[in-house]
Amino acid sequence: TEQKFVIEGLRICLDAMQNHISFEV
């Protein structure tokens, strides 16, 4: 419904950011 998901953990958050995923919160 929200079209949002949660990323948890140092490595995966860094990986997400390097793949140009912006964080809402």
PDB file of all heavy atoms in Angstrom:
ATOM      1  N   THR A   1       0.826  -1.207   0.000  1.00  0.00           N
ATOM      2  CA  THR A   1       0.000   0.000   0.000  1.00  0.00           C
ATOM      3  C   THR A   1       0.861   1.259   0.000  1.00  0.00           C
ATOM      4  O   THR A   1       0.623   2.197  -0.767  1.00  0.00           O
ATOM      5  CB  THR A   1      -0.931   0.015   1.230  1.00  0.00           C
ATOM      6  OG1 THR A   1      -1.785  -1.130   1.178  1.00  0.00           O
ATOM      7  CG2 THR A   1      -1.783   1.280   1.263  1.00  0.00           C
ATOM      8  N   GLU A   2       1.863   1.267   0.865  1.00  0.00           N
ATOM      9  CA  GLU A   2       2.727   2.438   1.003  1.00  0.00           C
ATOM     10  C   GLU A   2       3.793   2.517  -0.090  1.00  0.00           C
ATOM     11  O   GLU A   2       4.387   3.573  -0.316  1.00  0.00           O
ATOM     12  CB  GLU A   2       3.418   2.411   2.365  1.00  0.00           C
ATOM     13  CG  GLU A   2       2.488   2.567   3.547  1.00  0.00           C
ATOM     14  CD  GLU A   2       1.909   3.966   3.625  1.00  0.00           C
ATOM     15  OE1 GLU A   2       2.679   4.942   3.680  1.00  0.00           O
ATOM     16  OE2 GLU A   2       0.656   4.075   3.627  1.00  0.00           O
ATOM     17  N   GLN A   3       4.057   1.381  -0.740  1.00  0.00           N
ATOM     18  CA  GLN A   3       5.162   1.277  -1.699  1.00  0.00           C
ATOM     19  C   GLN A   3       6.502   1.665  -1.049  1.00  0.00           C
ATOM     20  O   GLN A   3       7.340   2.338  -1.641  1.00  0.00           O
ATOM     21  CB  GLN A   3       4.899   2.115  -2.936  1.00  0.00           C
ATOM     22  CG  GLN A   3       3.899   1.488  -3.907  1.00  0.00           C
ATOM     23  CD  GLN A   3       4.381   0.155  -4.457  1.00  0.00           C
ATOM     24  OE1 GLN A   3       5.332   0.099  -5.262  1.00  0.00           O
ATOM     25  NE2 GLN A   3       3.740  -0.933  -4.053  1.00  0.00           N
ATOM     26  N   LYS A   4       6.649   1.222   0.205  1.00  0.00           N
ATOM     27  CA  LYS A   4       7.860   1.468   0.972  1.00  0.00           C
ATOM     28  C   LYS A   4       8.320   0.144   1.601  1.00  0.00           C
ATOM     29  O   LYS A   4       7.511  -0.751   1.834  1.00  0.00           O
ATOM     30  CB  LYS A   4       7.617   2.476   2.095  1.00  0.00           C
ATOM     31  CG  LYS A   4       7.134   3.842   1.634  1.00  0.00           C
ATOM     32  CD  LYS A   4       8.245   4.650   0.996  1.00  0.00           C
ATOM     33  CE  LYS A   4       7.847   6.114   0.821  1.00  0.00           C
ATOM     34  NZ  LYS A   4       6.642   6.310   0.014  1.00  0.00           N
ATOM     35  N   PHE A   5       9.603   0.050   1.899  1.00  0.00           N
ATOM     36  CA  PHE A   5      10.119  -1.129   2.585  1.00  0.00           C
ATOM     37  C   PHE A   5      11.252  -0.712   3.511  1.00  0.00           C
ATOM     38  O   PHE A   5      11.769   0.414   3.433  1.00  0.00           O
ATOM     39  CB  PHE A   5      10.579  -2.197   1.595  1.00  0.00           C
ATOM     40  CG  PHE A   5      11.828  -1.857   0.822  1.00  0.00           C
ATOM     41  CD1 PHE A   5      13.033  -2.482   1.106  1.00  0.00           C
ATOM     42  CD2 PHE A   5      11.808  -0.918  -0.212  1.00  0.00           C
ATOM     43  CE1 PHE A   5      14.186  -2.185   0.395  1.00  0.00           C
ATOM     44  CE2 PHE A   5      12.952  -0.613  -0.925  1.00  0.00           C
ATOM     45  CZ  PHE A   5      14.148  -1.246  -0.619  1.00  0.00           C
ATOM     46  N   VAL A   6      11.623  -1.631   4.397  1.00  0.00           N
ATOM     47  CA  VAL A   6      12.621  -1.340   5.421  1.00  0.00           C
ATOM     48  C   VAL A   6      13.933  -2.053   5.106  1.00  0.00           C
ATOM     49  O   VAL A   6      13.951  -3.240   4.780  1.00  0.00           O
ATOM     50  CB  VAL A   6      12.115  -1.778   6.816  1.00  0.00           C
ATOM     51  CG1 VAL A   6      13.207  -1.611   7.865  1.00  0.00           C
ATOM     52  CG2 VAL A   6      10.877  -0.971   7.207  1.00  0.00           C
ATOM     53  N   ILE A   7      15.021  -1.313   5.214  1.00  0.00           N
ATOM     54  CA  ILE A   7      16.367  -1.864   5.049  1.00  0.00           C
ATOM     55  C   ILE A   7      17.047  -1.783   6.411  1.00  0.00           C
ATOM     56  O   ILE A   7      17.078  -0.709   7.015  1.00  0.00           O
ATOM     57  CB  ILE A   7      17.181  -1.057   4.021  1.00  0.00           C
ATOM     58  CG1 ILE A   7      16.407  -0.926   2.703  1.00  0.00           C
ATOM     59  CG2 ILE A   7      18.530  -1.708   3.773  1.00  0.00           C
ATOM     60  CD1 ILE A   7      16.992   0.097   1.753  1.00  0.00           C
ATOM     61  N   GLU A   8      17.577  -2.898   6.884  1.00  0.00           N
ATOM     62  CA  GLU A   8      18.184  -2.897   8.221  1.00  0.00           C
ATOM     63  C   GLU A   8      19.583  -3.491   8.200  1.00  0.00           C
ATOM     64  O   GLU A   8      19.808  -4.562   7.634  1.00  0.00           O
ATOM     65  CB  GLU A   8      17.321  -3.677   9.209  1.00  0.00           C
ATOM     66  CG  GLU A   8      17.905  -3.708  10.606  1.00  0.00           C
ATOM     67  CD  GLU A   8      16.994  -4.317  11.654  1.00  0.00           C
ATOM     68  OE1 GLU A   8      15.853  -4.682  11.317  1.00  0.00           O
ATOM     69  OE2 GLU A   8      17.443  -4.442  12.813  1.00  0.00           O
ATOM     70  N   GLY A   9      20.513  -2.784   8.800  1.00  0.00           N
ATOM     71  CA  GLY A   9      21.889  -3.275   8.903  1.00  0.00           C
ATOM     72  C   GLY A   9      22.859  -2.373   8.172  1.00  0.00           C
ATOM     73  O   GLY A   9      22.523  -1.750   7.152  1.00  0.00           O
ATOM     74  N   LEU A  10      24.079  -2.288   8.684  1.00  0.00           N
ATOM     75  CA  LEU A  10      25.088  -1.392   8.120  1.00  0.00           C
ATOM     76  C   LEU A  10      25.434  -1.731   6.681  1.00  0.00           C
ATOM     77  O   LEU A  10      25.389  -0.870   5.795  1.00  0.00           O
ATOM     78  CB  LEU A  10      26.349  -1.451   8.992  1.00  0.00           C
ATOM     79  CG  LEU A  10      27.568  -0.663   8.496  1.00  0.00           C
ATOM     80  CD1 LEU A  10      27.234   0.810   8.355  1.00  0.00           C
ATOM     81  CD2 LEU A  10      28.752  -0.863   9.444  1.00  0.00           C
ATOM     82  N   ARG A  11      25.752  -2.993   6.433  1.00  0.00           N
ATOM     83  CA  ARG A  11      26.210  -3.375   5.101  1.00  0.00           C
ATOM     84  C   ARG A  11      25.133  -3.186   4.045  1.00  0.00           C
ATOM     85  O   ARG A  11      25.395  -2.631   2.968  1.00  0.00           O
ATOM     86  CB  ARG A  11      26.668  -4.836   5.107  1.00  0.00           C
ATOM     87  CG  ARG A  11      27.141  -5.335   3.758  1.00  0.00           C
ATOM     88  CD  ARG A  11      27.621  -6.771   3.830  1.00  0.00           C
ATOM     89  NE  ARG A  11      27.944  -7.289   2.520  1.00  0.00           N
ATOM     90  CZ  ARG A  11      28.372  -8.531   2.292  1.00  0.00           C
ATOM     91  NH1 ARG A  11      28.535  -9.362   3.309  1.00  0.00           N
ATOM     92  NH2 ARG A  11      28.636  -8.940   1.070  1.00  0.00           N
ATOM     93  N   ILE A  12      23.920  -3.614   4.353  1.00  0.00           N
ATOM     94  CA  ILE A  12      22.866  -3.544   3.347  1.00  0.00           C
ATOM     95  C   ILE A  12      22.418  -2.094   3.116  1.00  0.00           C
ATOM     96  O   ILE A  12      22.057  -1.715   2.003  1.00  0.00           O
ATOM     97  CB  ILE A  12      21.672  -4.455   3.714  1.00  0.00           C
ATOM     98  CG1 ILE A  12      20.744  -4.622   2.511  1.00  0.00           C
ATOM     99  CG2 ILE A  12      20.914  -3.916   4.908  1.00  0.00           C
ATOM    100  CD1 ILE A  12      19.689  -5.682   2.706  1.00  0.00           C
ATOM    101  N   CYS A  13      22.484  -1.262   4.149  1.00  0.00           N
ATOM    102  CA  CYS A  13      22.156   0.155   3.969  1.00  0.00           C
ATOM    103  C   CYS A  13      23.203   0.841   3.088  1.00  0.00           C
ATOM    104  O   CYS A  13      22.863   1.645   2.208  1.00  0.00           O
ATOM    105  CB  CYS A  13      22.041   0.856   5.315  1.00  0.00           C
ATOM    106  SG  CYS A  13      20.493   0.538   6.202  1.00  0.00           S
ATOM    107  N   LEU A  14      24.478   0.518   3.309  1.00  0.00           N
ATOM    108  CA  LEU A  14      25.537   1.064   2.456  1.00  0.00           C
ATOM    109  C   LEU A  14      25.360   0.586   1.016  1.00  0.00           C
ATOM    110  O   LEU A  14      25.513   1.358   0.064  1.00  0.00           O
ATOM    111  CB  LEU A  14      26.910   0.633   2.984  1.00  0.00           C
ATOM    112  CG  LEU A  14      27.431   1.347   4.231  1.00  0.00           C
ATOM    113  CD1 LEU A  14      28.682   0.655   4.760  1.00  0.00           C
ATOM    114  CD2 LEU A  14      27.714   2.821   3.946  1.00  0.00           C
ATOM    115  N   ASP A  15      25.030  -0.689   0.867  1.00  0.00           N
ATOM    116  CA  ASP A  15      24.827  -1.277  -0.450  1.00  0.00           C
ATOM    117  C   ASP A  15      23.671  -0.577  -1.169  1.00  0.00           C
ATOM    118  O   ASP A  15      23.756  -0.263  -2.361  1.00  0.00           O
ATOM    119  CB  ASP A  15      24.538  -2.774  -0.313  1.00  0.00           C
ATOM    120  CG  ASP A  15      24.844  -3.546  -1.582  1.00  0.00           C
ATOM    121  OD1 ASP A  15      25.683  -3.077  -2.365  1.00  0.00           O
ATOM    122  OD2 ASP A  15      24.239  -4.609  -1.785  1.00  0.00           O
ATOM    123  N   ALA A  16      22.581  -0.348  -0.439  1.00  0.00           N
ATOM    124  CA  ALA A  16      21.413   0.323  -1.021  1.00  0.00           C
ATOM    125  C   ALA A  16      21.784   1.726  -1.489  1.00  0.00           C
ATOM    126  O   ALA A  16      21.409   2.150  -2.595  1.00  0.00           O
ATOM    127  CB  ALA A  16      20.288   0.383   0.005  1.00  0.00           C
ATOM    128  N   MET A  17      22.501   2.448  -0.675  1.00  0.00           N
ATOM    129  CA  MET A  17      22.882   3.813  -1.023  1.00  0.00           C
ATOM    130  C   MET A  17      23.793   3.837  -2.254  1.00  0.00           C
ATOM    131  O   MET A  17      23.650   4.686  -3.138  1.00  0.00           O
ATOM    132  CB  MET A  17      23.589   4.454   0.167  1.00  0.00           C
ATOM    133  CG  MET A  17      23.598   5.954   0.139  1.00  0.00           C
ATOM    134  SD  MET A  17      24.330   6.613   1.647  1.00  0.00           S
ATOM    135  CE  MET A  17      25.970   5.906   1.571  1.00  0.00           C
ATOM    136  N   GLN A  18      24.717   2.871  -2.325  1.00  0.00           N
ATOM    137  CA  GLN A  18      25.608   2.785  -3.480  1.00  0.00           C
ATOM    138  C   GLN A  18      24.861   2.431  -4.758  1.00  0.00           C
ATOM    139  O   GLN A  18      25.340   2.699  -5.858  1.00  0.00           O
ATOM    140  CB  GLN A  18      26.715   1.768  -3.199  1.00  0.00           C
ATOM    141  CG  GLN A  18      27.718   2.243  -2.155  1.00  0.00           C
ATOM    142  CD  GLN A  18      28.603   1.127  -1.636  1.00  0.00           C
ATOM    143  OE1 GLN A  18      28.514  -0.022  -2.069  1.00  0.00           O
ATOM    144  NE2 GLN A  18      29.465   1.459  -0.674  1.00  0.00           N
ATOM    145  N   ASN A  19      23.666   1.831  -4.583  1.00  0.00           N
ATOM    146  CA  ASN A  19      22.821   1.518  -5.736  1.00  0.00           C
ATOM    147  C   ASN A  19      21.768   2.597  -5.957  1.00  0.00           C
ATOM    148  O   ASN A  19      20.731   2.356  -6.566  1.00  0.00           O
ATOM    149  CB  ASN A  19      22.159   0.148  -5.532  1.00  0.00           C
ATOM    150  CG  ASN A  19      23.100  -0.992  -5.821  1.00  0.00           C
ATOM    151  OD1 ASN A  19      23.297  -1.376  -6.972  1.00  0.00           O
ATOM    152  ND2 ASN A  19      23.716  -1.528  -4.782  1.00  0.00           N
ATOM    153  N   HIS A  20      22.064   3.791  -5.452  1.00  0.00           N
ATOM    154  CA  HIS A  20      21.257   4.995  -5.704  1.00  0.00           C
ATOM    155  C   HIS A  20      19.834   4.895  -5.154  1.00  0.00           C
ATOM    156  O   HIS A  20      18.899   5.438  -5.730  1.00  0.00           O
ATOM    157  CB  HIS A  20      21.222   5.306  -7.203  1.00  0.00           C
ATOM    158  CG  HIS A  20      22.577   5.309  -7.847  1.00  0.00           C
ATOM    159  ND1 HIS A  20      23.540   6.259  -7.553  1.00  0.00           N
ATOM    160  CD2 HIS A  20      23.153   4.457  -8.742  1.00  0.00           C
ATOM    161  CE1 HIS A  20      24.637   5.995  -8.244  1.00  0.00           C
ATOM    162  NE2 HIS A  20      24.433   4.911  -8.968  1.00  0.00           N
ATOM    163  N   ILE A  21      19.687   4.194  -4.027  1.00  0.00           N
ATOM    164  CA  ILE A  21      18.401   4.138  -3.342  1.00  0.00           C
ATOM    165  C   ILE A  21      18.394   5.216  -2.259  1.00  0.00           C
ATOM    166  O   ILE A  21      19.234   5.203  -1.356  1.00  0.00           O
ATOM    167  CB  ILE A  21      18.154   2.752  -2.729  1.00  0.00           C
ATOM    168  CG1 ILE A  21      18.029   1.703  -3.842  1.00  0.00           C
ATOM    169  CG2 ILE A  21      16.907   2.748  -1.851  1.00  0.00           C
ATOM    170  CD1 ILE A  21      17.889   0.280  -3.345  1.00  0.00           C
ATOM    171  N   SER A  22      17.478   6.169  -2.386  1.00  0.00           N
ATOM    172  CA  SER A  22      17.371   7.244  -1.402  1.00  0.00           C
ATOM    173  C   SER A  22      16.482   6.799  -0.249  1.00  0.00           C
ATOM    174  O   SER A  22      15.526   6.050  -0.440  1.00  0.00           O
ATOM    175  CB  SER A  22      16.785   8.505  -2.056  1.00  0.00           C
ATOM    176  OG  SER A  22      17.654   8.997  -3.057  1.00  0.00           O
ATOM    177  N   PHE A  23      16.793   7.263   0.927  1.00  0.00           N
ATOM    178  CA  PHE A  23      16.033   6.888   2.118  1.00  0.00           C
ATOM    179  C   PHE A  23      14.998   7.962   2.448  1.00  0.00           C
ATOM    180  O   PHE A  23      15.290   9.159   2.429  1.00  0.00           O
ATOM    181  CB  PHE A  23      16.964   6.697   3.311  1.00  0.00           C
ATOM    182  CG  PHE A  23      18.043   5.665   3.104  1.00  0.00           C
ATOM    183  CD1 PHE A  23      19.226   5.716   3.825  1.00  0.00           C
ATOM    184  CD2 PHE A  23      17.879   4.629   2.184  1.00  0.00           C
ATOM    185  CE1 PHE A  23      20.225   4.768   3.649  1.00  0.00           C
ATOM    186  CE2 PHE A  23      18.865   3.671   1.996  1.00  0.00           C
ATOM    187  CZ  PHE A  23      20.040   3.747   2.721  1.00  0.00           C
ATOM    188  N   GLU A  24      13.798   7.513   2.760  1.00  0.00           N
ATOM    189  CA  GLU A  24      12.755   8.423   3.213  1.00  0.00           C
ATOM    190  C   GLU A  24      12.972   8.774   4.684  1.00  0.00           C
ATOM    191  O   GLU A  24      12.841   9.928   5.083  1.00  0.00           O
ATOM    192  CB  GLU A  24      11.377   7.778   3.033  1.00  0.00           C
ATOM    193  CG  GLU A  24      10.958   7.564   1.589  1.00  0.00           C
ATOM    194  CD  GLU A  24      10.623   8.875   0.905  1.00  0.00           C
ATOM    195  OE1 GLU A  24       9.928   9.706   1.519  1.00  0.00           O
ATOM    196  OE2 GLU A  24      11.083   9.062  -0.241  1.00  0.00           O
ATOM    197  N   VAL A  25      13.274   7.751   5.474  1.00  0.00           N
ATOM    198  CA  VAL A  25      13.497   7.907   6.908  1.00  0.00           C
ATOM    199  C   VAL A  25      14.696   7.049   7.299  1.00  0.00           C
ATOM    200  O   VAL A  25      14.829   5.916   6.830  1.00  0.00           O
ATOM    201  CB  VAL A  25      12.267   7.459   7.729  1.00  0.00           C
ATOM    202  CG1 VAL A  25      12.510   7.679   9.218  1.00  0.00           C
ATOM    203  CG2 VAL A  25      11.002   8.181   7.281  1.00  0.00           C
TER     204      VAL A  25
END
